Amino acid sequence: AALDKAQRIAFNAKTYRYGICGAMETLLVDQSVAAAFLPGMARQFREKGVELRGCERTCQLIDAVPATDADWGTEYLAAILSIRVVDGLDDAIEHINHYGSHHTDSIVTEHQGQARRFTAEVDSSSVMINTPTCFADGFEYGLGAEIGISTDKLHARGPVGLEGLTCEKYVVIGDGQLRGQESL
């Protein structure tokens, strides 16, 4: 993916609003672009006051607090971001399905095959392509005011009809649009 688009999307995903359930809490960066991507990205986050926590490979590239295992599954709801350098799509999907909240995950890629695989294999209620995670919102989905959000796959209790047994997975495809700003 174009690194500038990836930087804009990642920055918006984290800094649009820290306290929302769609705020990015962990940034996964492919090892093939990490050296070119992370220094500029880290500078933007630091200028906004975001504390960075990173894996060993991240800490070799930027100034970050060493991440603990707990960081990978933490919903900070604050100006804190964990960053991990991954060895490709398999590693990223494995990390997300192991540590993620199953709420919202996004991939920035120009490769449609990777995008399709990501949407099929990531077990989250909203899966996004080239779009910041902060778009995960009932209003943005055209559902009106959000009452709550569920990441469970079976949530009904009592007498339930067929419609009550269905679950939805939202796939959002963009081209770098940001939330709270004009489209690019």
C-alpha atoms as a PDB file:
ATOM      1  CA  ALA A   1       0.000   0.000   0.000  1.00  0.00           C
ATOM      2  CA  ALA A   2       1.097   3.572  -0.492  1.00  0.00           C
ATOM      3  CA  LEU A   3       2.824   4.476   2.761  1.00  0.00           C
ATOM      4  CA  ASP A   4       1.328   7.979   2.893  1.00  0.00           C
ATOM      5  CA  LYS A   5      -2.196   6.536   2.616  1.00  0.00           C
ATOM      6  CA  ALA A   6      -1.366   3.977   5.304  1.00  0.00           C
ATOM      7  CA  GLN A   7      -0.045   6.743   7.583  1.00  0.00           C
ATOM      8  CA  ARG A   8      -3.180   8.875   7.140  1.00  0.00           C
ATOM      9  CA  ILE A   9      -5.457   5.896   7.814  1.00  0.00           C
ATOM     10  CA  ALA A  10      -3.494   4.726  10.872  1.00  0.00           C
ATOM     11  CA  PHE A  11      -3.305   8.246  12.321  1.00  0.00           C
ATOM     12  CA  ASN A  12      -7.054   8.796  11.884  1.00  0.00           C
ATOM     13  CA  ALA A  13      -7.853   5.331  13.282  1.00  0.00           C
ATOM     14  CA  LYS A  14      -6.023   6.146  16.518  1.00  0.00           C
ATOM     15  CA  THR A  15      -6.483   9.891  16.985  1.00  0.00           C
ATOM     16  CA  TYR A  16     -10.029  10.570  15.699  1.00  0.00           C
ATOM     17  CA  ARG A  17     -11.307   9.860  19.229  1.00  0.00           C
ATOM     18  CA  TYR A  18      -9.386   7.791  21.767  1.00  0.00           C
ATOM     19  CA  GLY A  19     -12.367   6.671  23.838  1.00  0.00           C
ATOM     20  CA  ILE A  20     -14.468   4.981  21.163  1.00  0.00           C
ATOM     21  CA  CYS A  21     -14.665   1.233  20.653  1.00  0.00           C
ATOM     22  CA  GLY A  22     -13.450   1.629  17.053  1.00  0.00           C
ATOM     23  CA  ALA A  23     -10.213   3.382  18.001  1.00  0.00           C
ATOM     24  CA  MET A  24      -7.099   1.520  16.852  1.00  0.00           C
ATOM     25  CA  GLU A  25      -5.239   0.035  19.824  1.00  0.00           C
ATOM     26  CA  THR A  26      -2.590  -2.056  18.005  1.00  0.00           C
ATOM     27  CA  LEU A  27      -0.846  -1.247  14.744  1.00  0.00           C
ATOM     28  CA  LEU A  28       0.601  -4.206  12.839  1.00  0.00           C
ATOM     29  CA  VAL A  29       3.244  -3.305  10.242  1.00  0.00           C
ATOM     30  CA  ASP A  30       4.639  -5.718   7.659  1.00  0.00           C
ATOM     31  CA  GLN A  31       8.377  -6.195   8.065  1.00  0.00           C
ATOM     32  CA  SER A  32       8.934  -5.345   4.376  1.00  0.00           C
ATOM     33  CA  VAL A  33       7.861  -1.709   4.940  1.00  0.00           C
ATOM     34  CA  ALA A  34       8.554  -1.227   8.659  1.00  0.00           C
ATOM     35  CA  ALA A  35      11.869   0.654   8.272  1.00  0.00           C
ATOM     36  CA  ALA A  36      10.357   3.092   5.763  1.00  0.00           C
ATOM     37  CA  PHE A  37       6.973   3.434   7.500  1.00  0.00           C
ATOM     38  CA  LEU A  38       7.516   3.505  11.253  1.00  0.00           C
ATOM     39  CA  PRO A  39       9.842   6.519  11.782  1.00  0.00           C
ATOM     40  CA  GLY A  40       7.458   8.984  10.100  1.00  0.00           C
ATOM     41  CA  MET A  41       4.400   7.354  11.630  1.00  0.00           C
ATOM     42  CA  ALA A  42       5.935   7.466  15.108  1.00  0.00           C
ATOM     43  CA  ARG A  43       6.781  11.150  14.665  1.00  0.00           C
ATOM     44  CA  GLN A  44       3.125  11.948  13.851  1.00  0.00           C
ATOM     45  CA  PHE A  45       1.855  10.004  16.847  1.00  0.00           C
ATOM     46  CA  ARG A  46       4.386  11.605  19.207  1.00  0.00           C
ATOM     47  CA  GLU A  47       3.430  15.100  17.997  1.00  0.00           C
ATOM     48  CA  LYS A  48      -0.161  14.248  18.971  1.00  0.00           C
ATOM     49  CA  GLY A  49       0.980  12.983  22.405  1.00  0.00           C
ATOM     50  CA  VAL A  50       0.409   9.266  21.764  1.00  0.00           C
ATOM     51  CA  GLU A  51       2.536   6.913  23.886  1.00  0.00           C
ATOM     52  CA  LEU A  52       4.022   4.157  21.735  1.00  0.00           C
ATOM     53  CA  ARG A  53       4.648   0.615  22.956  1.00  0.00           C
ATOM     54  CA  GLY A  54       6.444  -1.732  20.619  1.00  0.00           C
ATOM     55  CA  CYS A  55       7.716  -5.229  20.034  1.00  0.00           C
ATOM     56  CA  GLU A  56      11.468  -5.788  19.936  1.00  0.00           C
ATOM     57  CA  ARG A  57      11.679  -5.123  16.187  1.00  0.00           C
ATOM     58  CA  THR A  58       9.606  -1.945  16.551  1.00  0.00           C
ATOM     59  CA  CYS A  59      11.905  -0.681  19.328  1.00  0.00           C
ATOM     60  CA  GLN A  60      14.903  -1.201  17.013  1.00  0.00           C
ATOM     61  CA  LEU A  61      13.332   1.208  14.496  1.00  0.00           C
ATOM     62  CA  ILE A  62      11.701   3.854  16.704  1.00  0.00           C
ATOM     63  CA  ASP A  63      11.745   5.103  20.269  1.00  0.00           C
ATOM     64  CA  ALA A  64       8.981   3.142  22.017  1.00  0.00           C
ATOM     65  CA  VAL A  65       8.313   1.595  25.411  1.00  0.00           C
ATOM     66  CA  PRO A  66       8.858  -2.186  25.180  1.00  0.00           C
ATOM     67  CA  ALA A  67       5.450  -3.836  24.878  1.00  0.00           C
ATOM     68  CA  THR A  68       4.362  -6.640  27.180  1.00  0.00           C
ATOM     69  CA  ASP A  69       2.153  -9.552  26.168  1.00  0.00           C
ATOM     70  CA  ALA A  70      -0.768  -7.783  27.873  1.00  0.00           C
ATOM     71  CA  ASP A  71      -0.419  -4.786  25.529  1.00  0.00           C
ATOM     72  CA  TRP A  72      -1.484  -6.819  22.500  1.00  0.00           C
ATOM     73  CA  GLY A  73      -4.973  -7.418  23.888  1.00  0.00           C
ATOM     74  CA  THR A  74      -5.526  -4.168  25.784  1.00  0.00           C
ATOM     75  CA  GLU A  75      -8.281  -1.728  24.864  1.00  0.00           C
ATOM     76  CA  TYR A  76      -6.565   1.433  26.096  1.00  0.00           C
ATOM     77  CA  LEU A  77      -9.279   3.967  25.201  1.00  0.00           C
ATOM     78  CA  ALA A  78      -6.457   6.485  25.653  1.00  0.00           C
ATOM     79  CA  ALA A  79      -3.521   8.023  23.779  1.00  0.00           C
ATOM     80  CA  ILE A  80      -1.541   4.750  23.907  1.00  0.00           C
ATOM     81  CA  LEU A  81      -0.757   2.556  20.896  1.00  0.00           C
ATOM     82  CA  SER A  82       0.987  -0.802  20.709  1.00  0.00           C
ATOM     83  CA  ILE A  83       2.962  -1.510  17.524  1.00  0.00           C
ATOM     84  CA  ARG A  84       4.132  -4.887  16.268  1.00  0.00           C
ATOM     85  CA  VAL A  85       6.173  -5.713  13.185  1.00  0.00           C
ATOM     86  CA  VAL A  86       4.745  -8.847  11.550  1.00  0.00           C
ATOM     87  CA  ASP A  87       6.085 -11.314   9.001  1.00  0.00           C
ATOM     88  CA  GLY A  88       3.351 -11.039   6.412  1.00  0.00           C
ATOM     89  CA  LEU A  89      -0.383 -11.549   6.233  1.00  0.00           C
ATOM     90  CA  ASP A  90      -0.440 -14.962   7.941  1.00  0.00           C
ATOM     91  CA  ASP A  91       1.332 -13.522  10.988  1.00  0.00           C
ATOM     92  CA  ALA A  92      -1.001 -10.503  11.072  1.00  0.00           C
ATOM     93  CA  ILE A  93      -4.175 -12.606  10.861  1.00  0.00           C
ATOM     94  CA  GLU A  94      -2.887 -14.975  13.543  1.00  0.00           C
ATOM     95  CA  HIS A  95      -2.081 -12.024  15.837  1.00  0.00           C
ATOM     96  CA  ILE A  96      -5.506 -10.418  15.299  1.00  0.00           C
ATOM     97  CA  ASN A  97      -7.471 -13.613  15.869  1.00  0.00           C
ATOM     98  CA  HIS A  98      -5.448 -14.413  19.007  1.00  0.00           C
ATOM     99  CA  TYR A  99      -5.238 -10.985  20.686  1.00  0.00           C
ATOM    100  CA  GLY A 100      -7.980  -8.933  19.045  1.00  0.00           C
ATOM    101  CA  SER A 101     -11.321  -7.941  20.519  1.00  0.00           C
ATOM    102  CA  HIS A 102     -13.197  -9.276  17.456  1.00  0.00           C
ATOM    103  CA  HIS A 103     -14.764  -5.834  17.135  1.00  0.00           C
ATOM    104  CA  THR A 104     -13.095  -4.066  14.192  1.00  0.00           C
ATOM    105  CA  ASP A 105      -9.934  -4.691  12.200  1.00  0.00           C
ATOM    106  CA  SER A 106      -8.587  -3.026   9.077  1.00  0.00           C
ATOM    107  CA  ILE A 107      -5.980  -3.772   6.425  1.00  0.00           C
ATOM    108  CA  VAL A 108      -4.288  -1.212   4.202  1.00  0.00           C
ATOM    109  CA  THR A 109      -3.298  -2.898   0.955  1.00  0.00           C
ATOM    110  CA  GLU A 110      -3.431  -2.469  -2.809  1.00  0.00           C
ATOM    111  CA  HIS A 111      -3.542  -6.266  -3.289  1.00  0.00           C
ATOM    112  CA  GLN A 112      -7.136  -7.447  -3.701  1.00  0.00           C
ATOM    113  CA  GLY A 113      -6.212 -11.064  -2.968  1.00  0.00           C
ATOM    114  CA  GLN A 114      -4.788 -10.070   0.417  1.00  0.00           C
ATOM    115  CA  ALA A 115      -7.849  -7.927   1.107  1.00  0.00           C
ATOM    116  CA  ARG A 116     -10.236 -10.791   0.313  1.00  0.00           C
ATOM    117  CA  ARG A 117      -8.254 -13.199   2.452  1.00  0.00           C
ATOM    118  CA  PHE A 118      -8.173 -10.708   5.333  1.00  0.00           C
ATOM    119  CA  THR A 119     -11.953 -10.213   5.245  1.00  0.00           C
ATOM    120  CA  ALA A 120     -12.547 -13.969   5.101  1.00  0.00           C
ATOM    121  CA  GLU A 121     -10.090 -15.024   7.820  1.00  0.00           C
ATOM    122  CA  VAL A 122     -10.211 -12.229  10.404  1.00  0.00           C
ATOM    123  CA  ASP A 123     -12.882 -13.107  12.961  1.00  0.00           C
ATOM    124  CA  SER A 124     -14.250  -9.631  13.720  1.00  0.00           C
ATOM    125  CA  SER A 125     -17.715  -8.103  13.491  1.00  0.00           C
ATOM    126  CA  SER A 126     -16.382  -5.327  11.218  1.00  0.00           C
ATOM    127  CA  VAL A 127     -13.526  -5.880   8.798  1.00  0.00           C
ATOM    128  CA  MET A 128     -12.249  -2.947   6.783  1.00  0.00           C
ATOM    129  CA  ILE A 129     -10.088  -2.433   3.715  1.00  0.00           C
ATOM    130  CA  ASN A 130      -8.181   0.846   3.290  1.00  0.00           C
ATOM    131  CA  THR A 131     -10.398   2.479   5.901  1.00  0.00           C
ATOM    132  CA  PRO A 132      -9.712   3.569   9.499  1.00  0.00           C
ATOM    133  CA  THR A 133     -11.310   1.462  12.216  1.00  0.00           C
ATOM    134  CA  CYS A 134     -13.125   4.497  13.621  1.00  0.00           C
ATOM    135  CA  PHE A 135     -15.712   4.044  10.832  1.00  0.00           C
ATOM    136  CA  ALA A 136     -17.147   1.150  12.899  1.00  0.00           C
ATOM    137  CA  ASP A 137     -20.185   3.023  14.090  1.00  0.00           C
ATOM    138  CA  GLY A 138     -23.915   2.433  13.827  1.00  0.00           C
ATOM    139  CA  PHE A 139     -24.506   5.907  12.406  1.00  0.00           C
ATOM    140  CA  GLU A 140     -21.790   5.462   9.755  1.00  0.00           C
ATOM    141  CA  TYR A 141     -23.356   2.110   8.797  1.00  0.00           C
ATOM    142  CA  GLY A 142     -26.744   3.763   8.332  1.00  0.00           C
ATOM    143  CA  LEU A 143     -28.239   2.045  11.373  1.00  0.00           C
ATOM    144  CA  GLY A 144     -29.078   5.222  13.272  1.00  0.00           C
ATOM    145  CA  ALA A 145     -28.024   5.899  16.839  1.00  0.00           C
ATOM    146  CA  GLU A 146     -26.026   3.058  18.317  1.00  0.00           C
ATOM    147  CA  ILE A 147     -27.505   1.411  21.394  1.00  0.00           C
ATOM    148  CA  GLY A 148     -24.709  -1.092  21.850  1.00  0.00           C
ATOM    149  CA  ILE A 149     -22.405  -3.359  19.928  1.00  0.00           C
ATOM    150  CA  SER A 150     -21.906  -7.086  20.177  1.00  0.00           C
ATOM    151  CA  THR A 151     -18.943  -9.176  19.138  1.00  0.00           C
ATOM    152  CA  ASP A 152     -20.677 -12.394  20.174  1.00  0.00           C
ATOM    153  CA  LYS A 153     -21.995 -14.691  17.489  1.00  0.00           C
ATOM    154  CA  LEU A 154     -25.037 -15.889  19.424  1.00  0.00           C
ATOM    155  CA  HIS A 155     -26.613 -13.263  21.607  1.00  0.00           C
ATOM    156  CA  ALA A 156     -30.320 -14.043  21.721  1.00  0.00           C
ATOM    157  CA  ARG A 157     -32.190 -15.356  24.761  1.00  0.00           C
ATOM    158  CA  GLY A 158     -35.712 -16.692  25.068  1.00  0.00           C
ATOM    159  CA  PRO A 159     -37.982 -17.444  22.100  1.00  0.00           C
ATOM    160  CA  VAL A 160     -36.083 -16.557  18.927  1.00  0.00           C
ATOM    161  CA  GLY A 161     -37.125 -16.588  15.286  1.00  0.00           C
ATOM    162  CA  LEU A 162     -34.826 -17.085  12.310  1.00  0.00           C
ATOM    163  CA  GLU A 163     -33.908 -13.397  12.108  1.00  0.00           C
ATOM    164  CA  GLY A 164     -32.811 -13.428  15.746  1.00  0.00           C
ATOM    165  CA  LEU A 165     -30.308 -16.182  14.989  1.00  0.00           C
ATOM    166  CA  THR A 166     -28.467 -14.321  12.267  1.00  0.00           C
ATOM    167  CA  CYS A 167     -25.222 -12.456  12.758  1.00  0.00           C
ATOM    168  CA  GLU A 168     -23.719  -9.848  10.520  1.00  0.00           C
ATOM    169  CA  LYS A 169     -20.138  -9.146   9.626  1.00  0.00           C
ATOM    170  CA  TYR A 170     -19.570  -5.725   8.114  1.00  0.00           C
ATOM    171  CA  VAL A 171     -16.947  -5.392   5.384  1.00  0.00           C
ATOM    172  CA  VAL A 172     -16.044  -1.765   4.696  1.00  0.00           C
ATOM    173  CA  ILE A 173     -13.988  -1.036   1.579  1.00  0.00           C
ATOM    174  CA  GLY A 174     -12.423   2.368   1.126  1.00  0.00           C
ATOM    175  CA  ASP A 175      -9.646   4.138  -0.683  1.00  0.00           C
ATOM    176  CA  GLY A 176      -8.158   6.179   2.125  1.00  0.00           C
ATOM    177  CA  GLN A 177     -11.231   8.061   3.326  1.00  0.00           C
ATOM    178  CA  LEU A 178     -10.841   9.462   6.838  1.00  0.00           C
ATOM    179  CA  ARG A 179     -13.479   9.961   9.475  1.00  0.00           C
ATOM    180  CA  GLY A 180     -14.258  13.518  10.502  1.00  0.00           C
ATOM    181  CA  GLN A 181     -12.548  14.957   7.419  1.00  0.00           C
ATOM    182  CA  GLU A 182     -13.350  15.491   3.764  1.00  0.00           C
ATOM    183  CA  SER A 183     -12.771  12.457   1.567  1.00  0.00           C
ATOM    184  CA  LEU A 184      -9.419  12.340  -0.177  1.00  0.00           C
END
